[in-house]
């Protein structure tokens, strides 16, 4: 192999590795940002619902369900459940549930972990879930909210496709 061809190959390899490393870092940072923003949205929904149900005397579970249905900011397969702090699985299903079925399973261990740590993030399959303890002067509730971040997954898929295309074009 001639020295000119070898230098060209080495330069191309070096630049390719550097660009690939940069693309990997960009993808990782974007993934973390999207995940944090999604958890932030879930947390705001859980906090707002718990606050409405606990602090506003006029709001009960039926009215809160109507309010949630008129909300335009609904996440894919969203589910929100509010449990009494002393919730016992054998007694009832909780104080409030946004829908009858949920794509994820809330376990007693999850609720206990939320009671201890006050705020916990979970993942179950495609679901991202937050559990938080809401404390008012007179009442404490455990709120569990979860949904699938379909928009975030689509965003990451588009970013990956763009980066692969750019990397291949750069190699050529």
N, C-alpha and C. Protein backbone atom coordinates (compact mmCIF):
# COMPACT_ATOMS: atom_id res chain seq x y z
N UNK A 1 0.85 -1.18 0.00
CA UNK A 1 0.00 0.00 0.00
C UNK A 1 0.90 1.24 0.00
N UNK A 2 0.55 2.16 -0.85
CA UNK A 2 1.34 3.38 -0.93
C UNK A 2 1.10 4.23 0.31
N UNK A 3 2.06 5.06 0.62
CA UNK A 3 1.98 5.91 1.81
C UNK A 3 0.81 6.88 1.71
N UNK A 4 0.55 7.36 0.48
CA UNK A 4 -0.56 8.29 0.28
C UNK A 4 -1.90 7.62 0.58
N UNK A 5 -2.10 6.42 0.09
CA UNK A 5 -3.35 5.69 0.34
C UNK A 5 -3.49 5.33 1.81
N UNK A 6 -2.39 4.94 2.44
CA UNK A 6 -2.42 4.59 3.86
C UNK A 6 -2.78 5.81 4.72
N UNK A 7 -2.19 6.97 4.42
CA UNK A 7 -2.51 8.19 5.16
C UNK A 7 -3.97 8.60 4.96
N UNK A 8 -4.46 8.45 3.74
CA UNK A 8 -5.87 8.76 3.47
C UNK A 8 -6.79 7.83 4.25
N UNK A 9 -6.48 6.56 4.27
CA UNK A 9 -7.27 5.58 5.03
C UNK A 9 -7.23 5.89 6.53
N UNK A 10 -6.05 6.18 7.06
CA UNK A 10 -5.92 6.48 8.49
C UNK A 10 -6.67 7.76 8.86
N UNK A 11 -6.57 8.77 8.01
CA UNK A 11 -7.29 10.03 8.26
C UNK A 11 -8.80 9.80 8.24
N UNK A 12 -9.27 9.05 7.25
CA UNK A 12 -10.70 8.74 7.15
C UNK A 12 -11.18 7.95 8.37
N UNK A 13 -10.39 6.99 8.80
CA UNK A 13 -10.73 6.20 9.98
C UNK A 13 -10.77 7.07 11.23
N UNK A 14 -9.78 7.94 11.41
CA UNK A 14 -9.73 8.82 12.58
C UNK A 14 -10.92 9.76 12.62
N UNK A 15 -11.21 10.40 11.49
CA UNK A 15 -12.35 11.33 11.43
C UNK A 15 -13.66 10.57 11.65
N UNK A 16 -13.78 9.38 11.10
CA UNK A 16 -15.00 8.58 11.28
C UNK A 16 -15.22 8.22 12.74
N UNK A 17 -14.17 7.84 13.43
CA UNK A 17 -14.27 7.49 14.85
C UNK A 17 -14.67 8.72 15.67
N UNK A 18 -14.07 9.87 15.36
CA UNK A 18 -14.40 11.10 16.09
C UNK A 18 -15.86 11.49 15.86
N UNK A 19 -16.30 11.46 14.60
CA UNK A 19 -17.69 11.82 14.29
C UNK A 19 -18.66 10.83 14.92
N UNK A 20 -18.33 9.55 14.88
CA UNK A 20 -19.18 8.54 15.50
C UNK A 20 -19.30 8.76 17.00
N UNK A 21 -18.18 9.09 17.65
CA UNK A 21 -18.20 9.37 19.09
C UNK A 21 -19.07 10.59 19.39
N UNK A 22 -18.96 11.61 18.57
CA UNK A 22 -19.78 12.81 18.76
C UNK A 22 -21.26 12.48 18.59
N UNK A 23 -21.60 11.70 17.58
CA UNK A 23 -22.99 11.31 17.35
C UNK A 23 -23.54 10.48 18.51
N UNK A 24 -22.75 9.60 19.03
CA UNK A 24 -23.18 8.78 20.17
C UNK A 24 -23.45 9.67 21.38
N UNK A 25 -22.58 10.63 21.64
CA UNK A 25 -22.78 11.55 22.78
C UNK A 25 -24.03 12.39 22.57
N UNK A 26 -24.23 12.90 21.35
CA UNK A 26 -25.43 13.70 21.06
C UNK A 26 -26.69 12.86 21.28
N UNK A 27 -26.70 11.63 20.80
CA UNK A 27 -27.86 10.75 20.97
C UNK A 27 -28.13 10.47 22.44
N UNK A 28 -27.07 10.19 23.18
CA UNK A 28 -27.21 9.91 24.62
C UNK A 28 -27.76 11.11 25.37
N UNK A 29 -27.23 12.32 25.06
CA UNK A 29 -27.71 13.53 25.72
C UNK A 29 -29.17 13.80 25.38
N UNK A 30 -29.53 13.61 24.13
CA UNK A 30 -30.91 13.83 23.71
C UNK A 30 -31.86 12.83 24.38
N UNK A 31 -31.42 11.58 24.47
CA UNK A 31 -32.22 10.55 25.13
C UNK A 31 -32.46 10.93 26.60
N UNK A 32 -31.42 11.37 27.29
CA UNK A 32 -31.57 11.78 28.70
C UNK A 32 -32.50 12.97 28.83
N UNK A 33 -32.38 13.94 27.93
CA UNK A 33 -33.23 15.12 27.98
C UNK A 33 -34.69 14.75 27.77
N UNK A 34 -34.96 13.94 26.76
CA UNK A 34 -36.33 13.53 26.47
C UNK A 34 -36.93 12.76 27.66
N UNK A 35 -36.14 11.88 28.24
CA UNK A 35 -36.62 11.10 29.39
C UNK A 35 -36.93 12.01 30.59
N UNK A 36 -36.04 12.95 30.88
CA UNK A 36 -36.26 13.86 32.01
C UNK A 36 -37.49 14.74 31.79
N UNK A 37 -37.67 15.23 30.57
CA UNK A 37 -38.84 16.05 30.26
C UNK A 37 -40.13 15.25 30.41
N UNK A 38 -40.10 13.99 30.00
CA UNK A 38 -41.29 13.15 30.13
C UNK A 38 -41.62 12.90 31.60
N UNK A 39 -40.60 12.58 32.38
CA UNK A 39 -40.82 12.39 33.82
C UNK A 39 -41.31 13.67 34.47
N UNK A 40 -40.84 14.81 34.00
CA UNK A 40 -41.29 16.09 34.54
C UNK A 40 -42.77 16.30 34.25
N UNK A 41 -43.21 15.96 33.02
CA UNK A 41 -44.63 16.07 32.67
C UNK A 41 -45.49 15.15 33.53
N UNK A 42 -45.02 13.91 33.72
CA UNK A 42 -45.77 12.97 34.57
C UNK A 42 -45.86 13.50 36.00
N UNK A 43 -44.77 14.04 36.50
CA UNK A 43 -44.74 14.57 37.86
C UNK A 43 -45.71 15.73 38.01
N UNK A 44 -45.75 16.62 37.03
CA UNK A 44 -46.67 17.76 37.09
C UNK A 44 -48.12 17.28 37.07
N UNK A 45 -48.42 16.29 36.23
CA UNK A 45 -49.78 15.75 36.19
C UNK A 45 -50.17 15.13 37.53
N UNK A 46 -49.26 14.33 38.08
CA UNK A 46 -49.52 13.66 39.36
C UNK A 46 -49.70 14.68 40.47
N UNK A 47 -48.84 15.67 40.51
CA UNK A 47 -48.90 16.69 41.55
C UNK A 47 -50.17 17.53 41.46
N UNK A 48 -50.51 17.94 40.25
CA UNK A 48 -51.71 18.76 40.06
C UNK A 48 -52.97 17.99 40.44
N UNK A 49 -53.05 16.74 40.02
CA UNK A 49 -54.23 15.93 40.34
C UNK A 49 -54.36 15.69 41.83
N UNK A 50 -53.26 15.37 42.47
CA UNK A 50 -53.30 15.13 43.92
C UNK A 50 -53.67 16.40 44.67
N UNK A 51 -53.10 17.52 44.24
CA UNK A 51 -53.41 18.79 44.89
C UNK A 51 -54.88 19.14 44.74
N UNK A 52 -55.41 18.98 43.54
CA UNK A 52 -56.84 19.26 43.32
C UNK A 52 -57.72 18.38 44.19
N UNK A 53 -57.42 17.10 44.21
CA UNK A 53 -58.26 16.15 44.95
C UNK A 53 -58.18 16.36 46.45
N UNK A 54 -57.00 16.68 46.96
CA UNK A 54 -56.81 16.78 48.41
C UNK A 54 -57.15 18.16 48.96
N UNK A 55 -56.74 19.22 48.28
CA UNK A 55 -56.87 20.55 48.88
C UNK A 55 -58.16 21.28 48.52
N UNK A 56 -58.72 21.01 47.35
CA UNK A 56 -59.95 21.70 46.95
C UNK A 56 -61.14 20.87 47.40
N UNK A 57 -61.90 21.40 48.32
CA UNK A 57 -63.01 20.65 48.91
C UNK A 57 -64.10 20.31 47.90
N UNK A 58 -64.29 21.16 46.90
CA UNK A 58 -65.35 20.94 45.92
C UNK A 58 -65.01 19.82 44.94
N UNK A 59 -63.76 19.44 44.87
CA UNK A 59 -63.34 18.43 43.89
C UNK A 59 -63.37 17.05 44.52
N UNK A 60 -64.10 16.15 43.87
CA UNK A 60 -64.11 14.74 44.28
C UNK A 60 -63.60 13.91 43.11
N UNK A 61 -63.61 12.60 43.26
CA UNK A 61 -63.06 11.72 42.23
C UNK A 61 -63.81 11.85 40.91
N UNK A 62 -65.13 12.00 40.95
CA UNK A 62 -65.92 12.13 39.72
C UNK A 62 -65.59 13.42 38.98
N UNK A 63 -65.51 14.50 39.72
CA UNK A 63 -65.20 15.79 39.10
C UNK A 63 -63.77 15.79 38.55
N UNK A 64 -62.84 15.21 39.28
CA UNK A 64 -61.46 15.14 38.82
C UNK A 64 -61.35 14.33 37.53
N UNK A 65 -62.13 13.27 37.43
CA UNK A 65 -62.14 12.45 36.20
C UNK A 65 -62.66 13.28 35.02
N UNK A 66 -63.69 14.10 35.25
CA UNK A 66 -64.21 14.97 34.19
C UNK A 66 -63.16 16.01 33.79
N UNK A 67 -62.47 16.55 34.77
CA UNK A 67 -61.42 17.54 34.48
C UNK A 67 -60.31 16.89 33.65
N UNK A 68 -59.93 15.68 34.02
CA UNK A 68 -58.86 14.97 33.30
C UNK A 68 -59.29 14.68 31.86
N UNK A 69 -60.57 14.36 31.65
CA UNK A 69 -61.05 14.05 30.29
C UNK A 69 -61.04 15.28 29.38
N UNK A 70 -61.22 16.47 29.96
CA UNK A 70 -61.22 17.68 29.14
C UNK A 70 -59.81 18.20 28.91
N UNK A 71 -58.83 17.62 29.55
CA UNK A 71 -57.44 18.03 29.40
C UNK A 71 -56.92 17.61 28.02
N UNK A 72 -56.33 18.54 27.30
CA UNK A 72 -55.79 18.23 25.97
C UNK A 72 -54.39 17.65 26.02
N UNK A 73 -53.74 17.72 27.14
CA UNK A 73 -52.36 17.25 27.28
C UNK A 73 -52.33 15.81 27.78
N UNK A 74 -52.96 14.91 27.03
CA UNK A 74 -53.03 13.51 27.43
C UNK A 74 -51.86 12.75 26.80
N UNK A 75 -51.19 11.97 27.60
CA UNK A 75 -50.07 11.17 27.13
C UNK A 75 -50.57 9.80 26.66
N UNK A 76 -49.79 9.15 25.81
CA UNK A 76 -50.18 7.86 25.27
C UNK A 76 -50.27 6.82 26.38
N UNK A 77 -51.42 6.16 26.49
CA UNK A 77 -51.71 5.12 27.49
C UNK A 77 -51.50 5.62 28.92
N UNK A 78 -51.85 6.86 29.13
CA UNK A 78 -51.68 7.50 30.44
C UNK A 78 -52.60 6.89 31.48
N UNK A 79 -52.06 6.72 32.66
CA UNK A 79 -52.85 6.22 33.78
C UNK A 79 -52.37 6.92 35.05
N UNK A 80 -53.32 7.38 35.84
CA UNK A 80 -53.00 8.07 37.09
C UNK A 80 -53.88 7.50 38.18
N UNK A 81 -53.27 7.10 39.27
CA UNK A 81 -54.01 6.57 40.40
C UNK A 81 -53.53 7.25 41.67
N UNK A 82 -54.47 7.62 42.52
CA UNK A 82 -54.14 8.24 43.80
C UNK A 82 -54.62 7.29 44.89
N UNK A 83 -53.71 6.93 45.77
CA UNK A 83 -54.00 6.00 46.87
C UNK A 83 -53.94 6.74 48.19
N UNK A 84 -54.77 6.31 49.11
CA UNK A 84 -54.66 6.80 50.48
C UNK A 84 -53.31 6.36 51.04
N UNK A 85 -52.73 7.17 51.91
CA UNK A 85 -51.40 6.86 52.45
C UNK A 85 -51.38 5.49 53.13
N UNK A 86 -52.45 5.16 53.82
CA UNK A 86 -52.55 3.88 54.53
C UNK A 86 -53.23 2.82 53.67
N UNK A 87 -53.04 2.88 52.38
CA UNK A 87 -53.68 1.98 51.43
C UNK A 87 -53.36 0.52 51.75
N UNK A 88 -54.41 -0.29 51.74
CA UNK A 88 -54.27 -1.73 51.92
C UNK A 88 -54.93 -2.39 50.71
N UNK A 89 -54.17 -3.18 50.00
CA UNK A 89 -54.65 -3.79 48.74
C UNK A 89 -55.93 -4.60 48.93
N UNK A 90 -56.12 -5.14 50.09
CA UNK A 90 -57.29 -5.98 50.35
C UNK A 90 -58.56 -5.15 50.58
N UNK A 91 -58.41 -3.87 50.89
CA UNK A 91 -59.58 -3.06 51.24
C UNK A 91 -60.22 -2.39 50.04
N UNK A 92 -59.43 -1.62 49.26
CA UNK A 92 -60.02 -0.96 48.10
C UNK A 92 -58.95 -0.63 47.07
N UNK A 93 -59.39 -0.03 45.94
CA UNK A 93 -58.47 0.22 44.84
C UNK A 93 -57.74 1.55 44.95
N UNK A 94 -58.16 2.42 45.82
CA UNK A 94 -57.51 3.71 45.94
C UNK A 94 -58.54 4.81 46.00
N UNK A 95 -58.08 6.02 46.13
CA UNK A 95 -58.95 7.18 46.23
C UNK A 95 -59.46 7.59 44.86
N UNK A 96 -58.59 7.54 43.85
CA UNK A 96 -58.93 8.00 42.51
C UNK A 96 -58.14 7.20 41.47
N UNK A 97 -58.81 6.87 40.35
CA UNK A 97 -58.13 6.24 39.22
C UNK A 97 -58.62 6.93 37.95
N UNK A 98 -57.69 7.36 37.10
CA UNK A 98 -58.07 8.10 35.90
C UNK A 98 -58.76 7.20 34.87
N UNK A 99 -58.43 5.93 34.88
CA UNK A 99 -59.12 4.98 34.01
C UNK A 99 -59.17 3.62 34.68
N UNK A 100 -60.03 2.76 34.16
CA UNK A 100 -60.26 1.47 34.81
C UNK A 100 -59.11 0.50 34.62
N UNK A 101 -58.44 0.58 33.49
CA UNK A 101 -57.34 -0.34 33.23
C UNK A 101 -56.05 0.45 33.07
N UNK A 102 -54.98 -0.18 33.44
CA UNK A 102 -53.67 0.44 33.33
C UNK A 102 -52.74 -0.55 32.65
N UNK A 103 -51.84 -0.05 31.85
CA UNK A 103 -50.91 -0.93 31.16
C UNK A 103 -49.75 -1.38 32.02
N UNK A 104 -49.65 -0.80 33.21
CA UNK A 104 -48.59 -1.19 34.12
C UNK A 104 -49.20 -1.63 35.44
N UNK A 105 -48.42 -2.31 36.23
CA UNK A 105 -48.92 -2.86 37.48
C UNK A 105 -48.33 -2.08 38.66
N UNK A 106 -49.20 -1.58 39.51
CA UNK A 106 -48.76 -0.92 40.72
C UNK A 106 -48.74 -1.96 41.84
N UNK A 107 -47.58 -2.18 42.40
CA UNK A 107 -47.44 -3.18 43.45
C UNK A 107 -47.36 -2.51 44.82
N UNK A 108 -47.58 -3.29 45.84
CA UNK A 108 -47.47 -2.79 47.22
C UNK A 108 -46.04 -2.36 47.50
N UNK A 109 -45.06 -3.07 46.93
CA UNK A 109 -43.66 -2.69 47.10
C UNK A 109 -43.38 -1.31 46.51
N UNK A 110 -43.98 -1.04 45.34
CA UNK A 110 -43.82 0.28 44.73
C UNK A 110 -44.38 1.36 45.65
N UNK A 111 -45.57 1.13 46.19
CA UNK A 111 -46.20 2.11 47.06
C UNK A 111 -45.39 2.32 48.34
N UNK A 112 -44.85 1.24 48.88
CA UNK A 112 -44.01 1.36 50.08
C UNK A 112 -42.74 2.15 49.78
N UNK A 113 -42.17 1.93 48.61
CA UNK A 113 -40.97 2.66 48.23
C UNK A 113 -41.27 4.15 48.08
N UNK A 114 -42.42 4.49 47.53
CA UNK A 114 -42.82 5.89 47.39
C UNK A 114 -43.04 6.50 48.77
N UNK A 115 -43.67 5.77 49.67
CA UNK A 115 -43.88 6.28 51.03
C UNK A 115 -42.56 6.59 51.72
N UNK A 116 -41.56 5.76 51.52
CA UNK A 116 -40.26 5.96 52.16
C UNK A 116 -39.46 7.08 51.51
N UNK A 117 -39.41 7.10 50.17
CA UNK A 117 -38.53 8.03 49.47
C UNK A 117 -39.22 9.31 48.99
N UNK A 118 -40.53 9.36 49.07
CA UNK A 118 -41.36 10.51 48.68
C UNK A 118 -41.48 10.72 47.18
N UNK A 119 -40.46 10.38 46.40
CA UNK A 119 -40.54 10.50 44.95
C UNK A 119 -39.67 9.41 44.33
N UNK A 120 -40.27 8.63 43.42
CA UNK A 120 -39.55 7.51 42.81
C UNK A 120 -39.93 7.44 41.33
N UNK A 121 -38.93 7.11 40.49
CA UNK A 121 -39.17 6.86 39.07
C UNK A 121 -39.04 5.37 38.83
N UNK A 122 -39.97 4.84 38.03
CA UNK A 122 -39.96 3.42 37.69
C UNK A 122 -40.04 3.27 36.18
N UNK A 123 -39.66 2.09 35.71
CA UNK A 123 -39.90 1.69 34.32
C UNK A 123 -40.46 0.29 34.35
N UNK A 124 -41.49 0.08 33.54
CA UNK A 124 -42.10 -1.24 33.39
C UNK A 124 -42.41 -1.42 31.92
N UNK A 125 -41.60 -2.19 31.23
CA UNK A 125 -41.77 -2.35 29.79
C UNK A 125 -41.59 -1.01 29.11
N UNK A 126 -42.56 -0.59 28.30
CA UNK A 126 -42.51 0.71 27.63
C UNK A 126 -42.97 1.85 28.53
N UNK A 127 -43.54 1.52 29.67
CA UNK A 127 -44.09 2.54 30.56
C UNK A 127 -43.01 3.20 31.41
N UNK A 128 -43.14 4.51 31.52
CA UNK A 128 -42.34 5.28 32.47
C UNK A 128 -43.33 5.73 33.54
N UNK A 129 -42.95 5.53 34.79
CA UNK A 129 -43.88 5.73 35.89
C UNK A 129 -43.21 6.58 36.97
N UNK A 130 -43.98 7.50 37.54
CA UNK A 130 -43.53 8.24 38.71
C UNK A 130 -44.47 7.96 39.86
N UNK A 131 -43.90 7.84 41.02
CA UNK A 131 -44.67 7.70 42.24
C UNK A 131 -44.26 8.83 43.17
N UNK A 132 -45.24 9.52 43.72
CA UNK A 132 -44.89 10.63 44.60
C UNK A 132 -45.85 10.70 45.78
N UNK A 133 -45.31 11.18 46.87
CA UNK A 133 -46.09 11.36 48.09
C UNK A 133 -46.54 12.80 48.14
N UNK A 134 -47.84 13.02 48.24
CA UNK A 134 -48.37 14.37 48.36
C UNK A 134 -48.87 14.55 49.79
N UNK A 135 -48.37 15.60 50.45
CA UNK A 135 -48.72 15.84 51.85
C UNK A 135 -49.41 17.19 51.97
N UNK A 136 -50.58 17.16 52.57
CA UNK A 136 -51.34 18.36 52.88
C UNK A 136 -51.39 18.46 54.40
N UNK A 137 -51.93 19.54 54.91
CA UNK A 137 -52.02 19.68 56.37
C UNK A 137 -52.84 18.55 57.00
N UNK A 138 -53.86 18.10 56.29
CA UNK A 138 -54.78 17.14 56.88
C UNK A 138 -54.71 15.74 56.28
N UNK A 139 -54.08 15.60 55.14
CA UNK A 139 -54.13 14.32 54.44
C UNK A 139 -52.84 14.05 53.68
N UNK A 140 -52.50 12.76 53.56
CA UNK A 140 -51.36 12.32 52.76
C UNK A 140 -51.86 11.28 51.76
N UNK A 141 -51.41 11.42 50.51
CA UNK A 141 -51.78 10.46 49.48
C UNK A 141 -50.54 10.07 48.69
N UNK A 142 -50.60 8.88 48.11
CA UNK A 142 -49.55 8.39 47.22
C UNK A 142 -50.11 8.42 45.81
N UNK A 143 -49.43 9.12 44.94
CA UNK A 143 -49.89 9.27 43.55
C UNK A 143 -48.94 8.51 42.63
N UNK A 144 -49.52 7.70 41.76
CA UNK A 144 -48.73 6.95 40.77
C UNK A 144 -49.26 7.31 39.39
N UNK A 145 -48.36 7.84 38.54
CA UNK A 145 -48.73 8.21 37.18
C UNK A 145 -47.76 7.55 36.21
N UNK A 146 -48.31 7.04 35.12
CA UNK A 146 -47.45 6.39 34.13
C UNK A 146 -48.03 6.52 32.74
N UNK A 147 -47.14 6.45 31.76
CA UNK A 147 -47.54 6.52 30.36
C UNK A 147 -46.39 6.03 29.50
N UNK A 148 -46.67 5.90 28.22
CA UNK A 148 -45.66 5.52 27.24
C UNK A 148 -45.25 6.78 26.49
N UNK A 149 -43.96 7.01 26.38
CA UNK A 149 -43.45 8.20 25.70
C UNK A 149 -43.28 7.92 24.20
N UNK A 150 -44.40 7.86 23.52
CA UNK A 150 -44.37 7.55 22.09
C UNK A 150 -43.73 8.68 21.29
N UNK A 151 -44.00 9.91 21.64
CA UNK A 151 -43.42 11.05 20.92
C UNK A 151 -41.90 11.08 21.11
N UNK A 152 -41.45 10.80 22.31
CA UNK A 152 -40.01 10.78 22.58
C UNK A 152 -39.31 9.66 21.82
N UNK A 153 -39.96 8.49 21.76
CA UNK A 153 -39.38 7.37 21.01
C UNK A 153 -39.29 7.71 19.53
N UNK A 154 -40.31 8.37 19.00
CA UNK A 154 -40.31 8.77 17.58
C UNK A 154 -39.21 9.80 17.33
N UNK A 155 -39.05 10.74 18.25
CA UNK A 155 -38.00 11.75 18.13
C UNK A 155 -36.61 11.11 18.10
N UNK A 156 -36.38 10.16 18.99
CA UNK A 156 -35.09 9.47 19.02
C UNK A 156 -34.86 8.63 17.78
N UNK A 157 -35.90 8.01 17.27
CA UNK A 157 -35.79 7.21 16.05
C UNK A 157 -35.42 8.11 14.86
N UNK A 158 -36.06 9.28 14.77
CA UNK A 158 -35.73 10.23 13.70
C UNK A 158 -34.29 10.72 13.83
N UNK A 159 -33.87 11.04 15.04
CA UNK A 159 -32.50 11.49 15.26
C UNK A 159 -31.50 10.41 14.86
N UNK A 160 -31.79 9.16 15.22
CA UNK A 160 -30.90 8.06 14.87
C UNK A 160 -30.79 7.91 13.35
N UNK A 161 -31.92 7.98 12.66
CA UNK A 161 -31.91 7.86 11.20
C UNK A 161 -31.13 9.00 10.54
N UNK A 162 -31.30 10.20 11.04
CA UNK A 162 -30.57 11.35 10.50
C UNK A 162 -29.07 11.17 10.72
N UNK A 163 -28.69 10.75 11.91
CA UNK A 163 -27.27 10.58 12.21
C UNK A 163 -26.63 9.45 11.39
N UNK A 164 -27.35 8.38 11.18
CA UNK A 164 -26.83 7.28 10.35
C UNK A 164 -26.63 7.76 8.91
N UNK A 165 -27.63 8.50 8.39
CA UNK A 165 -27.52 9.04 7.04
C UNK A 165 -26.34 10.00 6.91
N UNK A 166 -26.19 10.89 7.88
CA UNK A 166 -25.09 11.84 7.87
C UNK A 166 -23.74 11.13 7.98
N UNK A 167 -23.67 10.11 8.80
CA UNK A 167 -22.41 9.38 8.97
C UNK A 167 -22.02 8.68 7.67
N UNK A 168 -22.98 8.04 7.03
CA UNK A 168 -22.71 7.35 5.76
C UNK A 168 -22.33 8.35 4.67
N UNK A 169 -23.01 9.50 4.63
CA UNK A 169 -22.67 10.54 3.65
C UNK A 169 -21.27 11.08 3.90
N UNK A 170 -20.92 11.23 5.17
CA UNK A 170 -19.59 11.73 5.51
C UNK A 170 -18.51 10.70 5.09
N UNK A 171 -18.80 9.44 5.25
CA UNK A 171 -17.83 8.42 4.85
C UNK A 171 -17.58 8.43 3.35
N UNK A 172 -18.66 8.64 2.61
CA UNK A 172 -18.54 8.66 1.15
C UNK A 172 -17.74 9.88 0.74
